[in-house]
Protein backbone atom coordinates (compact mmCIF):
# COMPACT_ATOMS: atom_id res chain seq x y z
CA MET A 1 24.37 -46.89 20.81
CA ALA A 2 20.75 -45.87 20.40
CA ALA A 3 19.27 -46.29 16.96
CA SER A 4 18.51 -43.04 15.15
CA LYS A 5 14.87 -42.17 14.77
CA PRO A 6 13.49 -42.33 11.23
CA ASN A 7 12.35 -39.07 9.65
CA LYS A 8 8.68 -38.34 10.05
CA PHE A 9 6.57 -38.29 6.91
CA LEU A 10 5.96 -34.64 6.02
CA THR A 11 2.21 -34.10 6.23
CA PRO A 12 0.29 -31.21 4.60
CA ASN A 13 -0.14 -29.64 8.05
CA VAL A 14 3.61 -29.56 8.60
CA ILE A 15 4.21 -28.19 5.10
CA ALA A 16 1.52 -25.50 5.49
CA LYS A 17 2.86 -24.35 8.87
CA ARG A 18 6.40 -24.04 7.58
CA GLY A 19 5.16 -22.41 4.37
CA LEU A 20 3.34 -19.72 6.36
CA LYS A 21 6.46 -18.97 8.38
CA LEU A 22 8.48 -18.59 5.20
CA LEU A 23 5.81 -16.38 3.66
CA HIS A 24 5.75 -14.13 6.70
CA GLN A 25 9.54 -13.81 6.69
CA GLN A 26 9.78 -12.86 3.02
CA ALA A 27 6.79 -10.53 2.59
CA ASN A 28 7.89 -7.10 3.75
CA PHE A 29 4.76 -5.32 2.48
CA ILE A 30 1.90 -7.70 3.22
CA GLY A 31 3.76 -8.66 6.38
CA HIS A 32 3.45 -5.08 7.66
CA ILE A 33 -0.04 -3.96 6.63
CA THR A 34 -3.34 -4.61 8.37
CA ARG A 35 -4.20 -8.28 7.98
CA GLY A 36 -7.48 -9.97 8.67
CA TYR A 37 -8.61 -13.58 8.66
CA ASP A 38 -12.32 -14.28 8.24
CA ASP A 39 -13.32 -17.30 10.30
CA ARG A 40 -16.81 -17.46 8.76
CA TYR A 41 -15.37 -19.81 6.15
CA ALA A 42 -13.42 -22.01 8.55
CA LYS A 43 -15.80 -24.95 8.14
CA ARG A 44 -17.21 -24.72 4.62
CA GLY A 45 -14.38 -22.86 2.91
CA ALA A 46 -14.47 -19.63 0.94
CA LYS A 47 -14.64 -19.03 -2.79
CA ILE A 48 -13.45 -16.28 -5.08
CA GLY A 49 -16.00 -13.47 -4.96
CA ASN A 50 -16.83 -13.59 -1.25
CA THR A 51 -16.95 -10.06 0.20
CA LEU A 52 -15.96 -8.81 3.63
CA LYS A 53 -16.96 -5.55 5.31
CA ILE A 54 -14.26 -3.65 7.17
CA ARG A 55 -15.29 -0.83 9.51
CA LEU A 56 -13.50 2.50 9.39
CA PRO A 57 -12.94 4.63 12.51
CA ASN A 58 -15.81 6.93 13.48
CA ARG A 59 -15.30 10.68 13.28
CA PHE A 60 -16.91 13.22 15.58
CA MET A 61 -16.79 17.00 15.95
CA PRO A 62 -15.93 18.41 19.40
CA ARG A 63 -18.47 20.54 21.31
CA ASP A 64 -17.37 23.98 22.50
CA GLY A 65 -19.28 24.82 25.68
CA ALA A 66 -21.83 23.17 27.95
CA THR A 67 -24.80 22.95 25.58
CA TYR A 68 -25.59 19.41 24.51
CA ALA A 69 -25.16 18.89 20.75
CA ALA A 70 -25.99 15.37 19.68
CA GLN A 71 -24.16 13.81 16.75
CA ALA A 72 -25.34 10.79 14.84
CA ILE A 73 -23.01 7.83 14.69
CA ASP A 74 -22.13 7.51 11.04
CA GLU A 75 -20.29 4.22 10.80
CA ARG A 76 -18.52 3.71 7.52
CA SER A 77 -17.11 0.59 6.04
CA VAL A 78 -15.02 -0.56 3.12
CA SER A 79 -15.91 -3.62 1.07
CA LEU A 80 -13.12 -6.07 0.48
CA SER A 81 -13.67 -8.76 -2.12
CA ILE A 82 -11.75 -12.02 -1.99
CA THR A 83 -10.79 -12.04 -5.66
CA LYS A 84 -7.27 -13.45 -5.79
CA GLN A 85 -5.86 -16.95 -5.46
CA ALA A 86 -2.11 -17.43 -5.57
CA GLY A 87 -0.44 -20.79 -5.44
CA VAL A 88 2.20 -23.13 -6.72
CA ASP A 89 1.97 -26.76 -7.86
CA ILE A 90 4.73 -29.30 -7.29
CA ASP A 91 5.29 -32.98 -8.01
CA ILE A 92 6.99 -34.49 -4.95
CA THR A 93 8.53 -37.94 -4.67
CA SER A 94 8.19 -40.23 -1.67
CA ALA A 95 11.86 -39.63 -0.95
CA ASP A 96 11.26 -35.88 -0.75
CA LEU A 97 8.56 -36.38 1.87
CA THR A 98 10.80 -38.50 4.07
CA THR A 99 13.64 -35.98 4.28
CA SER A 100 14.01 -33.65 7.24
CA LEU A 101 11.75 -30.63 7.37
CA ASP A 102 14.72 -28.26 7.11
CA ASP A 103 16.03 -30.04 4.03
CA PHE A 104 12.60 -30.11 2.38
CA SER A 105 12.05 -26.48 3.26
CA GLY A 106 15.35 -25.32 1.81
CA ARG A 107 15.21 -27.34 -1.41
CA ILE A 108 11.53 -27.25 -2.31
CA LEU A 109 9.25 -25.25 -0.06
CA LYS A 110 11.19 -21.98 0.19
CA PRO A 111 11.58 -21.52 -3.60
CA ALA A 112 7.88 -22.33 -4.04
CA VAL A 113 6.71 -19.93 -1.33
CA THR A 114 8.97 -17.22 -2.76
CA GLN A 115 6.89 -17.27 -5.95
CA VAL A 116 3.62 -17.05 -3.99
CA VAL A 117 4.99 -14.12 -1.98
CA ALA A 118 6.07 -12.34 -5.16
CA GLN A 119 2.60 -12.73 -6.67
CA MET A 120 0.84 -11.49 -3.53
CA GLU A 121 3.24 -8.56 -3.10
CA ARG A 122 2.77 -7.48 -6.73
CA ASP A 123 -1.00 -7.65 -6.38
CA CYS A 124 -1.18 -5.83 -3.06
CA LEU A 125 1.31 -3.14 -4.02
CA SER A 126 -1.06 -2.08 -6.78
CA MET A 127 -2.88 -0.30 -3.93
CA VAL A 128 -0.11 2.31 -3.96
CA SER A 129 -1.66 3.74 -7.13
CA GLU A 130 -4.70 4.82 -5.06
CA VAL A 131 -2.60 7.00 -2.73
CA TYR A 132 -2.93 10.70 -3.54
CA SER A 133 -0.46 12.33 -1.11
CA HIS A 134 2.93 12.60 -2.74
CA VAL A 135 6.34 14.21 -2.40
CA VAL A 136 8.64 14.67 -5.38
CA ALA A 137 12.24 14.13 -4.29
CA SER A 138 15.25 15.77 -5.84
CA GLU A 139 18.58 13.97 -6.10
CA ASP A 140 20.46 16.39 -3.85
CA LYS A 141 17.79 16.57 -1.12
CA PHE A 142 16.43 13.05 -1.21
CA LEU A 143 16.63 12.42 2.55
CA ARG A 144 14.91 15.71 3.32
CA HIS A 145 12.09 14.90 0.95
CA MET A 146 11.81 11.40 2.36
CA LEU A 147 11.36 12.89 5.83
CA ALA A 148 8.74 15.25 4.38
CA CYS A 149 6.62 12.15 3.78
CA GLY A 150 6.60 11.64 7.54
CA GLU A 151 5.39 15.22 7.93
CA ARG A 152 2.50 14.40 5.61
CA LEU A 153 1.60 11.42 7.79
CA ASP A 154 1.60 13.71 10.84
CA CYS A 155 -0.68 16.10 8.97
CA HIS A 156 -3.22 13.29 8.51
CA LEU A 157 -2.84 12.07 12.12
CA ALA A 158 -1.14 8.80 11.33
CA PRO A 159 -0.37 7.18 14.70
CA ARG A 160 3.17 7.61 16.00
CA ASP A 161 3.21 4.10 17.40
CA ASP A 162 6.54 2.76 16.16
CA ARG A 163 4.81 1.08 13.20
CA ARG A 164 5.44 3.58 10.43
CA LEU A 165 7.29 2.07 7.51
CA GLY A 166 9.17 3.09 4.42
CA LEU A 167 9.12 0.69 1.49
CA LEU A 168 11.83 1.77 -0.93
CA VAL A 169 12.77 0.62 -4.39
CA PRO A 170 16.49 -0.26 -4.54
CA VAL A 171 17.58 2.98 -6.21
CA ASP A 172 15.76 5.04 -3.56
CA ALA A 173 17.34 2.96 -0.81
CA THR A 174 20.75 3.82 -2.26
CA ARG A 175 19.84 7.50 -2.36
CA ALA A 176 18.60 7.37 1.23
CA VAL A 177 21.74 5.68 2.56
CA GLU A 178 23.88 8.17 0.65
CA GLY A 179 21.87 11.05 2.07
CA ALA A 180 22.10 9.73 5.63
CA ARG A 181 25.85 9.23 5.46
CA GLY A 182 26.67 12.53 7.11
CA LEU A 183 24.42 11.80 10.08
CA TYR A 184 26.63 9.02 11.46
CA ASN A 185 30.20 8.84 12.63
CA PRO A 186 31.96 5.71 11.38
CA ALA A 187 35.05 6.44 13.48
CA SER A 188 33.34 5.35 16.70
CA GLY A 189 31.99 2.13 15.21
CA LEU A 190 30.49 1.71 11.79
CA SER A 191 26.73 1.75 11.79
CA LYS A 192 24.56 -0.43 9.62
CA GLN A 193 24.37 2.33 7.07
CA PHE A 194 28.05 1.83 6.32
CA LYS A 195 28.35 -1.89 6.98
CA ALA A 196 25.49 -3.16 4.85
CA GLY A 197 24.05 -0.21 2.99
CA SER A 198 20.94 -0.52 5.13
CA LEU A 199 18.85 2.24 6.67
CA GLY A 200 17.18 0.07 9.29
CA LYS A 201 15.18 2.48 11.43
CA THR A 202 15.65 6.20 10.85
CA ALA A 203 13.61 9.24 11.91
CA GLY A 204 10.76 7.13 13.28
CA LEU A 205 10.50 4.98 10.14
CA LYS A 206 11.46 1.36 9.68
CA PHE A 207 12.75 0.81 6.15
CA PHE A 208 12.62 -2.15 3.80
CA VAL A 209 13.69 -2.60 0.19
CA ASN A 210 11.08 -3.96 -2.21
CA THR A 211 11.41 -4.67 -5.92
CA HIS A 212 7.68 -5.08 -6.61
CA ILE A 213 6.56 -1.45 -6.20
CA PRO A 214 4.99 -0.36 -9.52
CA GLN A 215 6.22 2.68 -11.37
CA PRO A 216 3.89 5.69 -11.20
CA SER A 217 1.42 6.27 -13.98
CA GLY A 218 0.45 9.66 -15.30
CA THR A 219 0.17 11.89 -18.32
CA SER A 220 2.75 11.09 -20.96
CA ASP A 221 4.91 14.06 -21.87
CA GLY A 222 6.62 13.94 -25.24
CA ASP A 223 8.45 17.26 -24.83
CA THR A 224 12.12 16.41 -25.30
CA GLN A 225 13.28 19.91 -24.34
CA HIS A 226 13.33 18.89 -20.67
CA ALA A 227 15.89 16.43 -19.37
CA LYS A 228 14.08 15.69 -16.11
CA SER A 229 11.55 12.88 -16.14
CA VAL A 230 9.43 14.55 -13.47
CA ARG A 231 8.31 18.13 -13.62
CA PHE A 232 5.45 20.34 -12.50
CA ILE A 233 3.21 22.13 -14.98
CA GLY A 234 1.29 25.17 -13.72
CA ARG A 235 -2.31 25.31 -14.98
CA PHE A 236 -5.42 27.27 -14.10
CA VAL A 237 -8.66 25.37 -13.70
CA GLU A 238 -12.09 26.33 -12.49
CA VAL A 239 -13.24 24.74 -9.24
CA LYS A 240 -17.01 24.74 -8.84
CA ALA A 241 -18.15 24.27 -5.30
CA GLY A 242 -21.77 23.33 -5.94
CA GLY A 243 -24.46 23.94 -3.34
CA ASP A 244 -22.74 22.54 -0.29
CA ALA A 245 -19.22 23.94 -0.67
CA ASP A 246 -17.64 20.63 -1.46
CA THR A 247 -16.54 19.20 -4.76
CA SER A 248 -14.79 16.32 -6.40
CA THR A 249 -14.69 17.67 -9.95
CA VAL A 250 -12.94 20.36 -11.95
CA THR A 251 -14.08 21.73 -15.30
CA LEU A 252 -11.34 22.36 -17.83
CA ALA A 253 -11.14 24.01 -21.20
CA ASN A 254 -9.24 20.93 -22.34
CA ALA A 255 -9.50 17.86 -20.11
CA ALA A 256 -7.21 15.95 -22.46
CA ASP A 257 -4.33 17.27 -20.34
CA PHE A 258 -5.39 14.84 -17.61
CA THR A 259 -5.59 11.06 -17.48
CA VAL A 260 -6.78 8.68 -14.79
CA GLY A 261 -4.06 8.23 -12.20
CA ASP A 262 -2.57 11.72 -12.51
CA LEU A 263 -1.46 13.33 -9.25
CA PHE A 264 -1.87 17.04 -8.69
CA THR A 265 -1.61 19.78 -6.08
CA PHE A 266 -3.83 22.82 -5.39
CA PRO A 267 -1.24 25.22 -3.92
CA ALA A 268 -3.92 27.82 -3.07
CA LEU A 269 -6.04 25.38 -1.03
CA PRO A 270 -4.37 24.73 2.34
CA LEU A 271 -5.38 21.66 4.29
CA VAL A 272 -6.96 21.90 7.72
CA HIS A 273 -6.27 19.81 10.80
CA PRO A 274 -8.55 16.73 10.70
CA GLU A 275 -9.75 17.36 14.28
CA THR A 276 -9.56 21.10 15.01
CA LYS A 277 -10.15 22.19 11.38
CA LYS A 278 -7.47 24.87 11.77
CA ARG A 279 -5.38 25.82 8.74
CA LEU A 280 -2.22 23.84 8.10
CA TYR A 281 0.74 24.78 5.92
CA TYR A 282 0.33 21.88 3.48
CA PRO A 283 -1.60 22.27 0.22
CA TYR A 284 -4.38 19.97 -0.93
CA GLN A 285 -3.29 17.04 -3.11
CA GLY A 286 -5.48 14.74 -5.16
CA ARG A 287 -5.60 11.93 -7.71
CA VAL A 288 -7.61 11.84 -10.93
CA THR A 289 -10.15 9.00 -10.91
CA ALA A 290 -12.12 9.73 -14.09
CA VAL A 291 -12.15 12.01 -17.13
CA ASN A 292 -15.49 12.60 -18.87
CA GLY A 293 -15.48 15.26 -21.55
CA ASN A 294 -14.13 18.42 -19.94
CA VAL A 295 -14.96 17.26 -16.42
CA VAL A 296 -12.20 15.69 -14.34
CA THR A 297 -13.21 13.74 -11.23
CA PHE A 298 -10.71 13.39 -8.44
CA THR A 299 -10.28 12.13 -4.89
CA PRO A 300 -10.53 13.13 -2.08
CA LYS A 301 -13.36 15.63 -2.16
CA VAL A 302 -12.57 19.27 -1.45
CA VAL A 303 -14.69 20.10 1.62
CA GLY A 304 -14.63 23.54 3.26
CA ALA A 305 -14.10 23.82 7.02
CA SER A 306 -17.03 26.26 7.47
CA THR A 307 -19.50 23.54 6.46
CA GLY A 308 -19.05 22.01 9.90
CA SER A 309 -18.54 18.65 8.25
CA ARG A 310 -16.38 16.10 9.99
CA ASP A 311 -14.86 15.50 6.55
CA ALA A 312 -13.73 19.11 6.07
CA ASN A 313 -10.20 19.14 4.67
CA VAL A 314 -9.41 22.63 3.31
CA ALA A 315 -9.61 26.24 4.51
CA ASP A 316 -12.70 28.04 3.18
CA ASP A 317 -11.23 31.43 2.43
CA GLN A 318 -9.96 30.18 -0.92
CA LEU A 319 -13.13 28.32 -1.87
CA PRO A 320 -15.76 29.83 -4.17
CA THR A 321 -19.20 30.80 -2.93
CA LYS A 322 -22.19 28.53 -3.47
CA SER A 323 -23.19 30.28 -6.66
CA GLY A 324 -19.78 31.26 -7.91
CA SER A 325 -16.54 29.70 -8.93
CA ALA A 326 -12.86 30.42 -8.52
CA LYS A 327 -9.74 29.75 -10.48
CA HIS A 328 -6.87 27.90 -8.84
CA GLU A 329 -3.47 26.96 -10.11
CA VAL A 330 -2.93 23.22 -10.35
CA LYS A 331 0.48 21.63 -10.28
CA LEU A 332 0.24 18.41 -12.26
CA PHE A 333 2.69 15.57 -11.74
CA ARG A 334 3.75 14.38 -15.18
CA VAL A 335 5.69 11.38 -16.39
CA LYS A 336 7.92 11.82 -19.40
CA ALA A 337 7.38 9.19 -22.08
CA ASP A 338 10.94 7.87 -22.19
CA HIS A 339 11.92 8.23 -18.52
CA ALA A 340 9.83 6.59 -15.81
CA PRO A 341 10.50 8.03 -12.33
CA THR A 342 11.05 5.87 -9.29
CA GLN A 343 8.32 5.37 -6.72
CA SER A 344 8.55 4.36 -3.07
CA VAL A 345 5.91 4.58 -0.35
CA ILE A 346 5.93 5.75 3.26
CA PHE A 347 2.92 4.47 5.20
CA HIS A 348 1.25 3.33 8.39
CA PRO A 349 -0.12 -0.26 8.45
CA GLU A 350 -3.69 1.04 8.79
CA ALA A 351 -3.53 2.52 5.29
CA PHE A 352 -3.85 -0.87 3.57
CA CYS A 353 -5.54 -4.16 4.34
CA LEU A 354 -5.03 -7.77 3.26
CA ALA A 355 -7.67 -10.35 4.11
CA THR A 356 -7.52 -14.10 3.64
CA ALA A 357 -10.04 -16.89 4.12
CA ASP A 358 -9.87 -20.66 4.34
CA LEU A 359 -10.18 -22.56 1.10
CA VAL A 360 -12.35 -25.67 1.11
CA LYS A 361 -10.69 -29.01 1.88
CA PRO A 362 -12.09 -31.25 -0.86
CA GLU A 363 -12.84 -34.91 -0.45
CA GLY A 364 -11.07 -37.51 -2.54
CA VAL A 365 -7.53 -36.24 -2.05
CA HIS A 366 -4.81 -38.15 -0.24
CA ALA A 367 -4.40 -35.45 2.40
CA ALA A 368 -5.44 -31.84 2.95
CA ALA A 369 -4.64 -29.16 5.51
CA VAL A 370 -5.46 -25.52 6.18
CA GLU A 371 -3.23 -23.58 8.56
CA ARG A 372 -3.23 -19.96 9.71
CA LEU A 373 -0.55 -17.58 10.95
CA ASP A 374 -0.78 -13.84 11.67
CA GLY A 375 -3.98 -13.35 9.70
CA ILE A 376 -2.97 -15.40 6.66
CA SER A 377 -4.54 -18.74 5.76
CA MET A 378 -2.81 -21.31 3.56
CA ARG A 379 -4.10 -24.59 2.16
CA VAL A 380 -1.99 -27.58 1.12
CA LEU A 381 -3.50 -30.49 -0.86
CA ARG A 382 -1.75 -33.74 -1.74
CA LEU A 383 -2.87 -36.42 -4.17
CA TYR A 384 -0.91 -39.58 -5.03
CA ASP A 385 -0.41 -40.44 -8.71
CA ILE A 386 0.08 -44.22 -8.86
CA GLN A 387 1.14 -44.18 -12.51
CA GLU A 388 3.95 -41.66 -12.07
CA ASP A 389 4.74 -42.58 -8.45
CA VAL A 390 4.66 -38.94 -7.34
CA PHE A 391 2.58 -36.86 -4.98
CA ARG A 392 0.76 -34.00 -6.70
CA CYS A 393 0.99 -31.19 -4.19
CA ARG A 394 -0.59 -27.75 -4.45
CA LEU A 395 -0.23 -24.79 -2.13
CA ASP A 396 -2.87 -22.01 -2.23
CA VAL A 397 -3.69 -18.70 -0.56
CA LEU A 398 -7.10 -17.09 -1.13
CA TYR A 399 -6.99 -13.36 -0.49
CA GLY A 400 -8.24 -9.89 -1.23
CA TYR A 401 -6.95 -6.42 -0.50
CA THR A 402 -8.15 -2.85 -0.31
CA VAL A 403 -7.07 0.63 0.69
CA LEU A 404 -8.54 1.42 4.10
CA ARG A 405 -7.26 4.94 4.76
CA PRO A 406 -5.30 6.38 1.82
CA GLU A 407 -4.42 9.47 3.84
CA LEU A 408 -2.10 7.32 5.95
CA ALA A 409 0.29 6.75 3.05
CA VAL A 410 2.51 9.02 0.96
CA ARG A 411 4.16 8.31 -2.37
CA LEU A 412 7.81 9.28 -2.65
CA LEU A 413 8.42 10.07 -6.30
CA GLY A 414 12.06 10.15 -7.30
CA ALA A 415 13.85 11.93 -10.07
CA GLU A 416 15.31 10.08 -13.04
CA PRO A 417 16.72 6.59 -12.35
CA MET A 418 20.34 6.67 -11.27
CA GLY A 419 22.79 5.89 -14.04
């Protein structure tokens, strides 16, 4: 009978490779957004504060006719700073390092990586707060409103490339499964919706449940006369177009009604198609980015189609003239003080970006390794403590994140939490 082979000593390279696989399996947000690895730091290592430049797609206006009309190439980019470092530190015995990889992974590595994933997911999901498109879902029409998010993505030309995703908080996942119940026939073989309470892929969207999505922020409403935690308030504000028929500010009689992070809709300002600039049937939506006195700054800019700008986003017939102003009703999304609404997000991977870079492998440690998988870099360091007879092991990921194209994501704002 052949002698059994002894277990191989688990090196930092082996641990890092398995750790990356576990991270990729567990991260359903950062695992499905645009990911980039910067190889400039492969030799010397990166540090917190390094900045990357990410190019955005060029936009051009079509020519109508045979006359040549040159357009300058206006390349835009987004800066992404590597500002986050997530990791976990473990004391490992010699016996731990001589067990099988599967045993070590199940007992030690998987619980450790789970904490790193949770930290990275929480950080990266903060990007949802920068998304301005939103749909408020009612309890009885939740599925319909969820599908309306897909309509919003179509409106902003999000690619229909089988990569659209829906990241739902648990209560919204329950609502969605309940709403989809009538679409399937369990008599001919129960679908996943009935077997596991899972949506899987529905209406061109692949769904995941995530518990790290932050609750929406907004203006606190202390009015206890309304039972609903989400409601629309109609207001009239003055939109001043300035000299070039675009604006990113509104002037209010009382700007105290708004706070940074508020979402709102201009029902009288219809969007235009991003390419043809023809009127669409969706109203402009925005997010408050600053409040200074009676001036509220918001994003994205309101740009009239008649300007000829490639950034035009609304029909001009409702915009004021260069010297005038117009009043428009604003529907403001409000959060009641004692009832926080749910928030999920429907998006295309190109809306958000995560970038990682190699950390330096310092001298003087027992062993060090940096491994990469699917755009994510992980470092594992190991140092032997002769007094305690343990290996000090640390696992680190250096990363940064940014919103690339906020128009390719939509917030799904639920009603009151289910009781």
